[in-house]
Structure formats: C-alpha cells, structure tokens
PDB file of N, CA and C in Angstrom:
ATOM      1  N   UNK A   1      71.428-186.944 -60.603  1.00  0.00           N
ATOM      2  CA  UNK A   1      71.935-187.000 -59.243  1.00  0.00           C
ATOM      3  C   UNK A   1      70.810-187.437 -58.315  1.00  0.00           C
ATOM      4  N   UNK A   2      71.158-188.036 -57.240  1.00  0.00           N
ATOM      5  CA  UNK A   2      70.198-188.630 -56.310  1.00  0.00           C
ATOM      6  C   UNK A   2      69.380-187.589 -55.548  1.00  0.00           C
ATOM      7  N   UNK A   3      68.185-188.004 -55.158  1.00  0.00           N
ATOM      8  CA  UNK A   3      67.337-187.216 -54.273  1.00  0.00           C
ATOM      9  C   UNK A   3      67.892-187.404 -52.861  1.00  0.00           C
ATOM     10  N   UNK A   4      68.147-186.302 -52.147  1.00  0.00           N
ATOM     11  CA  UNK A   4      68.754-186.390 -50.817  1.00  0.00           C
ATOM     12  C   UNK A   4      68.523-185.093 -50.057  1.00  0.00           C
ATOM     13  N   UNK A   5      68.786-185.100 -48.746  1.00  0.00           N
ATOM     14  CA  UNK A   5      68.785-183.840 -48.007  1.00  0.00           C
ATOM     15  C   UNK A   5      69.858-182.921 -48.601  1.00  0.00           C
ATOM     16  N   UNK A   6      69.616-181.632 -48.579  1.00  0.00           N
ATOM     17  CA  UNK A   6      70.552-180.666 -49.184  1.00  0.00           C
ATOM     18  C   UNK A   6      70.638-179.407 -48.331  1.00  0.00           C
ATOM     19  N   UNK A   7      71.796-178.761 -48.394  1.00  0.00           N
ATOM     20  CA  UNK A   7      71.999-177.449 -47.790  1.00  0.00           C
ATOM     21  C   UNK A   7      72.675-176.581 -48.836  1.00  0.00           C
ATOM     22  N   UNK A   8      72.206-175.341 -48.992  1.00  0.00           N
ATOM     23  CA  UNK A   8      72.773-174.454 -50.001  1.00  0.00           C
ATOM     24  C   UNK A   8      72.819-173.020 -49.489  1.00  0.00           C
ATOM     25  N   UNK A   9      73.719-172.243 -50.086  1.00  0.00           N
ATOM     26  CA  UNK A   9      73.808-170.809 -49.832  1.00  0.00           C
ATOM     27  C   UNK A   9      73.926-170.112 -51.174  1.00  0.00           C
ATOM     28  N   UNK A  10      73.332-168.932 -51.269  1.00  0.00           N
ATOM     29  CA  UNK A  10      73.408-168.177 -52.509  1.00  0.00           C
ATOM     30  C   UNK A  10      73.241-166.699 -52.250  1.00  0.00           C
ATOM     31  N   UNK A  11      73.566-165.907 -53.243  1.00  0.00           N
ATOM     32  CA  UNK A  11      73.411-164.456 -53.164  1.00  0.00           C
ATOM     33  C   UNK A  11      72.601-163.962 -54.353  1.00  0.00           C
ATOM     34  N   UNK A  12      72.009-162.768 -54.169  1.00  0.00           N
ATOM     35  CA  UNK A  12      71.297-162.158 -55.292  1.00  0.00           C
ATOM     36  C   UNK A  12      72.312-161.473 -56.200  1.00  0.00           C
ATOM     37  N   UNK A  13      71.832-160.876 -57.293  1.00  0.00           N
ATOM     38  CA  UNK A  13      72.716-160.266 -58.290  1.00  0.00           C
ATOM     39  C   UNK A  13      73.552-159.132 -57.713  1.00  0.00           C
ATOM     40  N   UNK A  14      73.022-158.425 -56.718  1.00  0.00           N
ATOM     41  CA  UNK A  14      73.766-157.314 -56.127  1.00  0.00           C
ATOM     42  C   UNK A  14      74.818-157.786 -55.128  1.00  0.00           C
ATOM     43  N   UNK A  15      74.703-159.029 -54.676  1.00  0.00           N
ATOM     44  CA  UNK A  15      75.604-159.540 -53.665  1.00  0.00           C
ATOM     45  C   UNK A  15      75.266-159.069 -52.263  1.00  0.00           C
ATOM     46  N   UNK A  16      74.122-158.394 -52.110  1.00  0.00           N
ATOM     47  CA  UNK A  16      73.730-157.843 -50.814  1.00  0.00           C
ATOM     48  C   UNK A  16      72.801-158.746 -50.018  1.00  0.00           C
ATOM     49  N   UNK A  17      72.154-159.682 -50.685  1.00  0.00           N
ATOM     50  CA  UNK A  17      71.246-160.597 -49.992  1.00  0.00           C
ATOM     51  C   UNK A  17      71.833-161.993 -50.009  1.00  0.00           C
ATOM     52  N   UNK A  18      71.787-162.633 -48.845  1.00  0.00           N
ATOM     53  CA  UNK A  18      72.254-164.009 -48.699  1.00  0.00           C
ATOM     54  C   UNK A  18      71.043-164.900 -48.496  1.00  0.00           C
ATOM     55  N   UNK A  19      70.982-165.977 -49.244  1.00  0.00           N
ATOM     56  CA  UNK A  19      69.903-166.953 -49.128  1.00  0.00           C
ATOM     57  C   UNK A  19      70.489-168.256 -48.601  1.00  0.00           C
ATOM     58  N   UNK A  20      69.893-168.786 -47.558  1.00  0.00           N
ATOM     59  CA  UNK A  20      70.288-170.081 -47.009  1.00  0.00           C
ATOM     60  C   UNK A  20      69.098-171.019 -47.112  1.00  0.00           C
ATOM     61  N   UNK A  21      69.337-172.240 -47.521  1.00  0.00           N
ATOM     62  CA  UNK A  21      68.252-173.212 -47.644  1.00  0.00           C
ATOM     63  C   UNK A  21      68.736-174.560 -47.150  1.00  0.00           C
ATOM     64  N   UNK A  22      67.866-175.237 -46.437  1.00  0.00           N
ATOM     65  CA  UNK A  22      68.114-176.622 -46.047  1.00  0.00           C
ATOM     66  C   UNK A  22      66.843-177.407 -46.356  1.00  0.00           C
ATOM     67  N   UNK A  23      67.021-178.566 -46.946  1.00  0.00           N
ATOM     68  CA  UNK A  23      65.892-179.418 -47.325  1.00  0.00           C
ATOM     69  C   UNK A  23      66.106-180.783 -46.703  1.00  0.00           C
ATOM     70  N   UNK A  24      65.178-181.191 -45.845  1.00  0.00           N
ATOM     71  CA  UNK A  24      65.243-182.532 -45.271  1.00  0.00           C
ATOM     72  C   UNK A  24      64.945-183.548 -46.365  1.00  0.00           C
ATOM     73  N   UNK A  25      65.384-184.783 -46.168  1.00  0.00           N
ATOM     74  CA  UNK A  25      65.181-185.748 -47.225  1.00  0.00           C
ATOM     75  C   UNK A  25      64.943-187.165 -46.802  1.00  0.00           C
ATOM     76  N   UNK A  26      64.655-187.356 -45.544  1.00  0.00           N
ATOM     77  CA  UNK A  26      64.370-188.714 -45.074  1.00  0.00           C
ATOM     78  C   UNK A  26      63.345-188.617 -43.965  1.00  0.00           C
ATOM     79  N   UNK A  27      62.725-189.723 -43.620  1.00  0.00           N
ATOM     80  CA  UNK A  27      61.781-189.721 -42.510  1.00  0.00           C
ATOM     81  C   UNK A  27      60.547-188.879 -42.764  1.00  0.00           C
ATOM     82  N   UNK A  28      59.958-188.990 -43.941  1.00  0.00           N
ATOM     83  CA  UNK A  28      58.737-188.268 -44.244  1.00  0.00           C
ATOM     84  C   UNK A  28      58.919-187.118 -45.207  1.00  0.00           C
ATOM     85  N   UNK A  29      60.145-186.700 -45.444  1.00  0.00           N
ATOM     86  CA  UNK A  29      60.422-185.635 -46.409  1.00  0.00           C
ATOM     87  C   UNK A  29      61.188-186.253 -47.569  1.00  0.00           C
ATOM     88  N   UNK A  30      60.971-185.753 -48.761  1.00  0.00           N
ATOM     89  CA  UNK A  30      61.515-186.396 -49.960  1.00  0.00           C
ATOM     90  C   UNK A  30      62.945-185.984 -50.280  1.00  0.00           C
ATOM     91  N   UNK A  31      63.328-184.732 -50.049  1.00  0.00           N
ATOM     92  CA  UNK A  31      64.637-184.250 -50.458  1.00  0.00           C
ATOM     93  C   UNK A  31      64.595-183.690 -51.866  1.00  0.00           C
ATOM     94  N   UNK A  32      65.749-183.303 -52.384  1.00  0.00           N
ATOM     95  CA  UNK A  32      65.855-182.721 -53.720  1.00  0.00           C
ATOM     96  C   UNK A  32      67.080-183.260 -54.436  1.00  0.00           C
ATOM     97  N   UNK A  33      67.042-183.224 -55.757  1.00  0.00           N
ATOM     98  CA  UNK A  33      68.243-183.450 -56.556  1.00  0.00           C
ATOM     99  C   UNK A  33      69.011-182.127 -56.599  1.00  0.00           C
ATOM    100  N   UNK A  34      70.242-182.144 -57.063  1.00  0.00           N
ATOM    101  CA  UNK A  34      71.018-180.910 -57.177  1.00  0.00           C
ATOM    102  C   UNK A  34      70.330-179.948 -58.155  1.00  0.00           C
ATOM    103  N   UNK A  35      69.771-180.478 -59.226  1.00  0.00           N
ATOM    104  CA  UNK A  35      69.056-179.647 -60.199  1.00  0.00           C
ATOM    105  C   UNK A  35      67.835-178.985 -59.558  1.00  0.00           C
ATOM    106  N   UNK A  36      67.101-179.744 -58.758  1.00  0.00           N
ATOM    107  CA  UNK A  36      65.933-179.181 -58.068  1.00  0.00           C
ATOM    108  C   UNK A  36      66.360-178.140 -57.035  1.00  0.00           C
ATOM    109  N   UNK A  37      67.492-178.367 -56.372  1.00  0.00           N
ATOM    110  CA  UNK A  37      68.021-177.382 -55.433  1.00  0.00           C
ATOM    111  C   UNK A  37      68.375-176.090 -56.165  1.00  0.00           C
ATOM    112  N   UNK A  38      68.954-176.220 -57.341  1.00  0.00           N
ATOM    113  CA  UNK A  38      69.260-175.047 -58.167  1.00  0.00           C
ATOM    114  C   UNK A  38      67.990-174.264 -58.498  1.00  0.00           C
ATOM    115  N   UNK A  39      66.941-174.965 -58.878  1.00  0.00           N
ATOM    116  CA  UNK A  39      65.659-174.313 -59.176  1.00  0.00           C
ATOM    117  C   UNK A  39      65.110-173.613 -57.942  1.00  0.00           C
ATOM    118  N   UNK A  40      65.231-174.239 -56.764  1.00  0.00           N
ATOM    119  CA  UNK A  40      64.764-173.623 -55.527  1.00  0.00           C
ATOM    120  C   UNK A  40      65.515-172.329 -55.250  1.00  0.00           C
ATOM    121  N   UNK A  41      66.819-172.360 -55.392  1.00  0.00           N
ATOM    122  CA  UNK A  41      67.615-171.154 -55.117  1.00  0.00           C
ATOM    123  C   UNK A  41      67.263-170.029 -56.092  1.00  0.00           C
ATOM    124  N   UNK A  42      67.024-170.362 -57.348  1.00  0.00           N
ATOM    125  CA  UNK A  42      66.584-169.348 -58.318  1.00  0.00           C
ATOM    126  C   UNK A  42      65.235-168.769 -57.917  1.00  0.00           C
ATOM    127  N   UNK A  43      64.316-169.622 -57.484  1.00  0.00           N
ATOM    128  CA  UNK A  43      62.990-169.182 -57.049  1.00  0.00           C
ATOM    129  C   UNK A  43      63.096-168.242 -55.849  1.00  0.00           C
ATOM    130  N   UNK A  44      64.020-168.525 -54.947  1.00  0.00           N
ATOM    131  CA  UNK A  44      64.214-167.663 -53.778  1.00  0.00           C
ATOM    132  C   UNK A  44      64.793-166.303 -54.145  1.00  0.00           C
ATOM    133  N   UNK A  45      65.496-166.241 -55.283  1.00  0.00           N
ATOM    134  CA  UNK A  45      66.084-164.973 -55.725  1.00  0.00           C
ATOM    135  C   UNK A  45      67.586-165.003 -55.889  1.00  0.00           C
ATOM    136  N   UNK A  46      68.205-166.152 -55.649  1.00  0.00           N
ATOM    137  CA  UNK A  46      69.659-166.255 -55.774  1.00  0.00           C
ATOM    138  C   UNK A  46      70.060-166.353 -57.244  1.00  0.00           C
ATOM    139  N   UNK A  47      71.074-165.594 -57.616  1.00  0.00           N
ATOM    140  CA  UNK A  47      71.637-165.700 -58.960  1.00  0.00           C
ATOM    141  C   UNK A  47      72.921-166.515 -58.959  1.00  0.00           C
ATOM    142  N   UNK A  48      73.556-166.627 -57.792  1.00  0.00           N
ATOM    143  CA  UNK A  48      74.730-167.473 -57.596  1.00  0.00           C
ATOM    144  C   UNK A  48      74.475-168.316 -56.357  1.00  0.00           C
ATOM    145  N   UNK A  49      74.796-169.597 -56.427  1.00  0.00           N
ATOM    146  CA  UNK A  49      74.549-170.471 -55.284  1.00  0.00           C
ATOM    147  C   UNK A  49      75.537-171.626 -55.289  1.00  0.00           C
ATOM    148  N   UNK A  50      75.685-172.221 -54.107  1.00  0.00           N
ATOM    149  CA  UNK A  50      76.566-173.374 -53.956  1.00  0.00           C
ATOM    150  C   UNK A  50      75.855-174.429 -53.114  1.00  0.00           C
ATOM    151  N   UNK A  51      75.979-175.687 -53.538  1.00  0.00           N
ATOM    152  CA  UNK A  51      75.473-176.825 -52.778  1.00  0.00           C
ATOM    153  C   UNK A  51      76.518-177.130 -51.708  1.00  0.00           C
ATOM    154  N   UNK A  52      76.163-176.951 -50.434  1.00  0.00           N
ATOM    155  CA  UNK A  52      77.128-177.100 -49.355  1.00  0.00           C
ATOM    156  C   UNK A  52      77.208-178.510 -48.789  1.00  0.00           C
ATOM    157  N   UNK A  53      76.098-179.201 -48.739  1.00  0.00           N
ATOM    158  CA  UNK A  53      76.069-180.468 -48.028  1.00  0.00           C
ATOM    159  C   UNK A  53      74.896-181.288 -48.531  1.00  0.00           C
ATOM    160  N   UNK A  54      74.988-182.549 -48.351  1.00  0.00           N
ATOM    161  CA  UNK A  54      73.885-183.431 -48.662  1.00  0.00           C
ATOM    162  C   UNK A  54      73.943-184.616 -47.731  1.00  0.00           C
ATOM    163  N   UNK A  55      72.819-185.169 -47.442  1.00  0.00           N
ATOM    164  CA  UNK A  55      72.773-186.322 -46.560  1.00  0.00           C
ATOM    165  C   UNK A  55      72.176-185.973 -45.219  1.00  0.00           C
ATOM    166  N   UNK A  56      72.242-186.925 -44.324  1.00  0.00           N
ATOM    167  CA  UNK A  56      71.581-186.803 -43.039  1.00  0.00           C
ATOM    168  C   UNK A  56      72.139-185.752 -42.117  1.00  0.00           C
ATOM    169  N   UNK A  57      73.327-185.204 -42.429  1.00  0.00           N
ATOM    170  CA  UNK A  57      73.895-184.158 -41.582  1.00  0.00           C
ATOM    171  C   UNK A  57      73.439-182.759 -41.987  1.00  0.00           C
ATOM    172  N   UNK A  58      72.664-182.633 -43.059  1.00  0.00           N
ATOM    173  CA  UNK A  58      72.169-181.315 -43.481  1.00  0.00           C
ATOM    174  C   UNK A  58      71.361-180.692 -42.361  1.00  0.00           C
ATOM    175  N   UNK A  59      71.811-179.530 -41.909  1.00  0.00           N
ATOM    176  CA  UNK A  59      71.187-178.913 -40.740  1.00  0.00           C
ATOM    177  C   UNK A  59      71.297-177.389 -40.844  1.00  0.00           C
ATOM    178  N   UNK A  60      70.243-176.700 -40.411  1.00  0.00           N
ATOM    179  CA  UNK A  60      70.254-175.245 -40.345  1.00  0.00           C
ATOM    180  C   UNK A  60      69.905-174.840 -38.927  1.00  0.00           C
ATOM    181  N   UNK A  61      70.810-174.109 -38.293  1.00  0.00           N
ATOM    182  CA  UNK A  61      70.593-173.627 -36.926  1.00  0.00           C
ATOM    183  C   UNK A  61      70.663-172.103 -36.930  1.00  0.00           C
ATOM    184  N   UNK A  62      69.746-171.474 -36.227  1.00  0.00           N
ATOM    185  CA  UNK A  62      69.698-170.011 -36.159  1.00  0.00           C
ATOM    186  C   UNK A  62      69.400-169.579 -34.727  1.00  0.00           C
ATOM    187  N   UNK A  63      69.522-168.289 -34.517  1.00  0.00           N
ATOM    188  CA  UNK A  63      69.003-167.696 -33.286  1.00  0.00           C
ATOM    189  C   UNK A  63      68.419-166.343 -33.645  1.00  0.00           C
ATOM    190  N   UNK A  64      67.419-165.914 -32.911  1.00  0.00           N
ATOM    191  CA  UNK A  64      66.679-164.708 -33.253  1.00  0.00           C
ATOM    192  C   UNK A  64      67.320-163.438 -32.693  1.00  0.00           C
ATOM    193  N   UNK A  65      68.171-163.578 -31.702  1.00  0.00           N
ATOM    194  CA  UNK A  65      68.909-162.434 -31.153  1.00  0.00           C
ATOM    195  C   UNK A  65      70.178-162.958 -30.501  1.00  0.00           C
ATOM    196  N   UNK A  66      71.063-162.058 -30.150  1.00  0.00           N
ATOM    197  CA  UNK A  66      72.332-162.470 -29.544  1.00  0.00           C
ATOM    198  C   UNK A  66      72.138-163.230 -28.237  1.00  0.00           C
ATOM    199  N   UNK A  67      71.078-162.914 -27.519  1.00  0.00           N
ATOM    200  CA  UNK A  67      70.857-163.566 -26.231  1.00  0.00           C
ATOM    201  C   UNK A  67      69.996-164.833 -26.338  1.00  0.00           C
ATOM    202  N   UNK A  68      69.404-165.060 -27.487  1.00  0.00           N
ATOM    203  CA  UNK A  68      68.545-166.236 -27.664  1.00  0.00           C
ATOM    204  C   UNK A  68      69.404-167.483 -27.874  1.00  0.00           C
ATOM    205  N   UNK A  69      68.895-168.627 -27.469  1.00  0.00           N
ATOM    206  CA  UNK A  69      69.631-169.870 -27.728  1.00  0.00           C
ATOM    207  C   UNK A  69      69.579-170.236 -29.210  1.00  0.00           C
ATOM    208  N   UNK A  70      70.560-170.988 -29.640  1.00  0.00           N
ATOM    209  CA  UNK A  70      70.585-171.490 -31.016  1.00  0.00           C
ATOM    210  C   UNK A  70      69.540-172.594 -31.130  1.00  0.00           C
ATOM    211  N   UNK A  71      68.788-172.572 -32.231  1.00  0.00           N
ATOM    212  CA  UNK A  71      67.742-173.575 -32.466  1.00  0.00           C
ATOM    213  C   UNK A  71      67.922-174.194 -33.841  1.00  0.00           C
ATOM    214  N   UNK A  72      67.835-175.502 -33.913  1.00  0.00           N
ATOM    215  CA  UNK A  72      67.869-176.210 -35.204  1.00  0.00           C
ATOM    216  C   UNK A  72      66.507-176.023 -35.849  1.00  0.00           C
ATOM    217  N   UNK A  73      66.498-175.590 -37.119  1.00  0.00           N
ATOM    218  CA  UNK A  73      65.252-175.260 -37.815  1.00  0.00           C
ATOM    219  C   UNK A  73      64.732-176.347 -38.722  1.00  0.00           C
ATOM    220  N   UNK A  74      65.416-177.454 -38.815  1.00  0.00           N
ATOM    221  CA  UNK A  74      64.916-178.561 -39.628  1.00  0.00           C
ATOM    222  C   UNK A  74      65.034-179.849 -38.817  1.00  0.00           C
ATOM    223  N   UNK A  75      64.824-180.984 -39.460  1.00  0.00           N
ATOM    224  CA  UNK A  75      64.870-182.275 -38.765  1.00  0.00           C
ATOM    225  C   UNK A  75      65.917-183.151 -39.470  1.00  0.00           C
ATOM    226  N   UNK A  76      67.181-183.023 -39.093  1.00  0.00           N
ATOM    227  CA  UNK A  76      68.229-183.836 -39.728  1.00  0.00           C
ATOM    228  C   UNK A  76      67.985-185.324 -39.462  1.00  0.00           C
ATOM    229  N   UNK A  77      68.125-186.128 -40.483  1.00  0.00           N
ATOM    230  CA  UNK A  77      67.841-187.556 -40.326  1.00  0.00           C
ATOM    231  C   UNK A  77      68.916-188.282 -39.508  1.00  0.00           C
ATOM    232  N   UNK A  78      70.114-187.685 -39.408  1.00  0.00           N
ATOM    233  CA  UNK A  78      71.156-188.288 -38.579  1.00  0.00           C
ATOM    234  C   UNK A  78      71.051-187.851 -37.116  1.00  0.00           C
ATOM    235  N   UNK A  79      70.038-187.023 -36.795  1.00  0.00           N
ATOM    236  CA  UNK A  79      69.861-186.527 -35.426  1.00  0.00           C
ATOM    237  C   UNK A  79      70.524-185.186 -35.246  1.00  0.00           C
ATOM    238  N   UNK A  80      70.303-184.582 -34.077  1.00  0.00           N
ATOM    239  CA  UNK A  80      70.902-183.273 -33.794  1.00  0.00           C
ATOM    240  C   UNK A  80      71.964-183.371 -32.729  1.00  0.00           C
TER     241      UNK A  80
END
C-alpha cells in the first residue's frame, strides 16, 4: 500500500484507553503505509485499531479544556 498521510484510532486490550494518531505525509513529512501505521498503533499500546483516513485531509484537532479554542495539531497538506 502507498505511503500517505494517515489517521487512526485504537484501544488497548482493556478497552479503557483510546489512542488517536495522525501522520502527515506531504510537504516535508514522509507519511506511512497501512502496515507501518499498524506498527505505530501497536507501539503506542493499541491492540485493536482502525485506519480512518488517508491523504491530504488527515487532520487532528483538539482542545485542552472546554473553554479553550480548538487547535489543529498537525499540518494537513490540503490546508486547514
């Protein structure tokens, strides 16, 4: 499978921890294959994971508290 930006979610064996990952893949960042994304999720601690998205729209946005603004945490190649 091709090297590309990726977004994934996974859980640990207990189902109590959620792991979210986004990997940029253009404009200076290499990206990952689906197999490499699987290895990353295992390294993070996920025993079950799903590849959610790939390509320039891969984006992770978070906020640190309910009153904080939402912030994009990566650099999507298609822009924000």
